[in-house]
Each structure stands twice: as C-alpha cells, then as structure tokens.
C-alpha cells in the first residue's frame, strides 16, 4: 500500500521539513534586515534633523543681535 509497508519508509518526508525550515529562515532574515534598516535609518535622520534645528536656532540668535 504505502511503499512496501509502512508509510514512513524512505526519506520523502524530509523534503517538506527542509522546505519549512528554509521558509522560516528566510522570513526571519527578512524581518531582521528590514527591522535594522528602518530603525538605523530613522535614527540617523533624527540626529541630522536635530543638528539642523540647532544650527538654525543659533543662526536666528545671531540675526536677532
């Protein structure tokens, strides 16, 4: 009935397990990659904007004097 007896004979069942493991690894890598790029990019942008605001404030103070 199932490959000469028991249905677990052979190694056909390993392929779905390998596929699921590969799928999970790809999903984890994508989450980590997009998570890091989004957080690090926004942090640097925030720091740059803060520096620009500080520079503008100092220029405004100079203009007032």
N, C-alpha and C. Protein backbone atom coordinates (compact mmCIF):
# COMPACT_ATOMS: atom_id res chain seq x y z
N UNK A 1 0.82 -1.18 0.00
CA UNK A 1 0.00 0.00 0.00
C UNK A 1 0.87 1.26 0.00
N UNK A 2 1.62 1.52 1.06
CA UNK A 2 2.48 2.70 1.15
C UNK A 2 3.93 2.27 1.03
N UNK A 3 4.46 2.23 -0.13
CA UNK A 3 5.88 1.97 -0.37
C UNK A 3 6.36 0.73 0.39
N UNK A 4 5.81 -0.39 0.11
CA UNK A 4 6.20 -1.67 0.69
C UNK A 4 5.96 -1.73 2.19
N UNK A 5 4.88 -1.30 2.66
CA UNK A 5 4.58 -1.45 4.07
C UNK A 5 4.28 -0.14 4.76
N UNK A 6 5.12 0.22 5.66
CA UNK A 6 4.90 1.39 6.50
C UNK A 6 4.98 2.66 5.66
N UNK A 7 4.12 3.63 5.97
CA UNK A 7 4.07 4.85 5.17
C UNK A 7 5.28 5.77 5.42
N UNK A 8 6.06 5.52 6.46
CA UNK A 8 7.23 6.35 6.72
C UNK A 8 8.51 5.76 6.13
N UNK A 9 8.39 4.76 5.29
CA UNK A 9 9.56 4.18 4.65
C UNK A 9 10.17 5.19 3.70
N UNK A 10 11.47 5.25 3.69
CA UNK A 10 12.14 6.18 2.81
C UNK A 10 12.29 7.54 3.46
N UNK A 11 12.84 8.45 2.69
CA UNK A 11 13.11 9.78 3.21
C UNK A 11 12.30 10.86 2.51
N UNK A 12 11.18 10.52 1.95
CA UNK A 12 10.36 11.52 1.24
C UNK A 12 9.85 12.59 2.18
N UNK A 13 9.66 12.26 3.45
CA UNK A 13 9.08 13.18 4.41
C UNK A 13 10.05 14.29 4.81
N UNK A 14 11.35 14.12 4.51
CA UNK A 14 12.33 15.13 4.91
C UNK A 14 12.22 16.40 4.06
N UNK A 15 11.75 16.28 2.83
CA UNK A 15 11.68 17.44 1.94
C UNK A 15 10.70 18.51 2.41
N UNK A 16 9.52 18.16 2.86
CA UNK A 16 8.65 19.22 3.41
C UNK A 16 9.24 19.88 4.65
N UNK A 17 9.94 19.09 5.47
CA UNK A 17 10.57 19.67 6.66
C UNK A 17 11.69 20.64 6.27
N UNK A 18 12.49 20.27 5.29
CA UNK A 18 13.54 21.17 4.82
C UNK A 18 12.94 22.43 4.20
N UNK A 19 11.87 22.28 3.48
CA UNK A 19 11.20 23.44 2.89
C UNK A 19 10.66 24.39 3.95
N UNK A 20 10.05 23.83 4.98
CA UNK A 20 9.54 24.67 6.06
C UNK A 20 10.67 25.37 6.80
N UNK A 21 11.77 24.66 7.04
CA UNK A 21 12.92 25.27 7.72
C UNK A 21 13.50 26.40 6.88
N UNK A 22 13.62 26.20 5.59
CA UNK A 22 14.12 27.24 4.70
C UNK A 22 13.19 28.44 4.69
N UNK A 23 11.89 28.19 4.64
CA UNK A 23 10.89 29.26 4.65
C UNK A 23 11.00 30.09 5.93
N UNK A 24 11.11 29.42 7.06
CA UNK A 24 11.21 30.13 8.34
C UNK A 24 12.49 30.95 8.40
N UNK A 25 13.62 30.39 7.92
CA UNK A 25 14.88 31.14 7.93
C UNK A 25 14.79 32.38 7.06
N UNK A 26 14.19 32.27 5.90
CA UNK A 26 14.06 33.43 5.01
C UNK A 26 13.19 34.50 5.64
N UNK A 27 12.09 34.11 6.25
CA UNK A 27 11.21 35.07 6.90
C UNK A 27 11.94 35.79 8.04
N UNK A 28 12.69 35.03 8.86
CA UNK A 28 13.43 35.64 9.97
C UNK A 28 14.48 36.61 9.44
N UNK A 29 15.20 36.22 8.38
CA UNK A 29 16.22 37.11 7.82
C UNK A 29 15.60 38.38 7.25
N UNK A 30 14.44 38.27 6.60
CA UNK A 30 13.78 39.45 6.06
C UNK A 30 13.33 40.39 7.17
N UNK A 31 12.78 39.83 8.22
CA UNK A 31 12.33 40.66 9.34
C UNK A 31 13.52 41.38 9.97
N UNK A 32 14.63 40.66 10.16
CA UNK A 32 15.80 41.29 10.76
C UNK A 32 16.39 42.35 9.84
N UNK A 33 16.43 42.08 8.54
CA UNK A 33 17.02 43.03 7.60
C UNK A 33 16.21 44.32 7.53
N UNK A 34 14.89 44.20 7.40
CA UNK A 34 14.06 45.40 7.29
C UNK A 34 13.93 46.10 8.62
N UNK A 35 13.98 45.38 9.70
CA UNK A 35 13.91 45.99 11.01
C UNK A 35 15.12 46.84 11.30
N UNK A 36 16.30 46.33 10.95
CA UNK A 36 17.53 47.09 11.20
C UNK A 36 17.64 48.30 10.29
N UNK A 37 17.31 48.12 9.02
CA UNK A 37 17.47 49.24 8.09
C UNK A 37 16.50 50.37 8.43
N UNK A 38 15.30 50.02 8.84
CA UNK A 38 14.32 51.06 9.17
C UNK A 38 14.70 51.79 10.45
N UNK A 39 15.13 51.05 11.45
CA UNK A 39 15.44 51.71 12.72
C UNK A 39 16.73 52.52 12.63
N UNK A 40 17.75 51.99 11.99
CA UNK A 40 19.01 52.73 11.91
C UNK A 40 18.87 53.95 11.00
N UNK A 41 18.11 53.82 9.92
CA UNK A 41 17.91 54.95 9.02
C UNK A 41 17.15 56.07 9.70
N UNK A 42 16.13 55.76 10.45
CA UNK A 42 15.35 56.80 11.10
C UNK A 42 16.15 57.46 12.22
N UNK A 43 17.01 56.71 12.90
CA UNK A 43 17.82 57.30 13.97
C UNK A 43 18.79 58.31 13.40
N UNK A 44 19.44 57.96 12.31
CA UNK A 44 20.40 58.91 11.72
C UNK A 44 19.68 60.13 11.18
N UNK A 45 18.52 59.94 10.61
CA UNK A 45 17.75 61.08 10.11
C UNK A 45 17.33 61.99 11.25
N UNK A 46 16.93 61.42 12.36
CA UNK A 46 16.53 62.22 13.52
C UNK A 46 17.71 63.02 14.04
N UNK A 47 18.88 62.38 14.12
CA UNK A 47 20.07 63.09 14.59
C UNK A 47 20.43 64.24 13.64
N UNK A 48 20.35 64.00 12.34
CA UNK A 48 20.64 65.06 11.38
C UNK A 48 19.66 66.21 11.50
N UNK A 49 18.39 65.90 11.68
CA UNK A 49 17.38 66.95 11.83
C UNK A 49 17.61 67.75 13.10
N UNK A 50 17.99 67.08 14.17
CA UNK A 50 18.27 67.79 15.42
C UNK A 50 19.44 68.74 15.26
N UNK A 51 20.48 68.29 14.54
CA UNK A 51 21.64 69.17 14.29
C UNK A 51 21.22 70.38 13.46
N UNK A 52 20.41 70.15 12.45
CA UNK A 52 19.95 71.26 11.62
C UNK A 52 19.12 72.25 12.42
N UNK A 53 18.26 71.75 13.28
CA UNK A 53 17.43 72.63 14.12
C UNK A 53 18.32 73.46 15.03
N UNK A 54 19.33 72.81 15.61
CA UNK A 54 20.25 73.55 16.49
C UNK A 54 20.99 74.64 15.72
N UNK A 55 21.44 74.30 14.51
CA UNK A 55 22.13 75.29 13.69
C UNK A 55 21.21 76.45 13.33
N UNK A 56 19.96 76.15 13.00
CA UNK A 56 19.01 77.20 12.66
C UNK A 56 18.72 78.09 13.86
N UNK A 57 18.62 77.49 15.04
CA UNK A 57 18.39 78.29 16.24
C UNK A 57 19.56 79.23 16.51
N UNK A 58 20.77 78.73 16.32
CA UNK A 58 21.93 79.61 16.53
C UNK A 58 21.96 80.73 15.49
N UNK A 59 21.59 80.45 14.26
CA UNK A 59 21.53 81.49 13.23
C UNK A 59 20.47 82.52 13.56
N UNK A 60 19.33 82.08 14.08
CA UNK A 60 18.28 83.03 14.47
C UNK A 60 18.77 83.93 15.59
N UNK A 61 19.48 83.36 16.56
CA UNK A 61 20.02 84.18 17.65
C UNK A 61 21.02 85.19 17.14
N UNK A 62 21.84 84.80 16.17
CA UNK A 62 22.80 85.74 15.58
C UNK A 62 22.09 86.86 14.83
N UNK A 63 21.00 86.52 14.14
CA UNK A 63 20.26 87.52 13.37
C UNK A 63 19.56 88.52 14.31
N UNK A 64 19.13 88.06 15.47
CA UNK A 64 18.46 88.95 16.42
C UNK A 64 19.43 89.98 16.97
N UNK A 65 20.69 89.62 17.13
CA UNK A 65 21.69 90.54 17.70
C UNK A 65 22.18 91.46 16.67
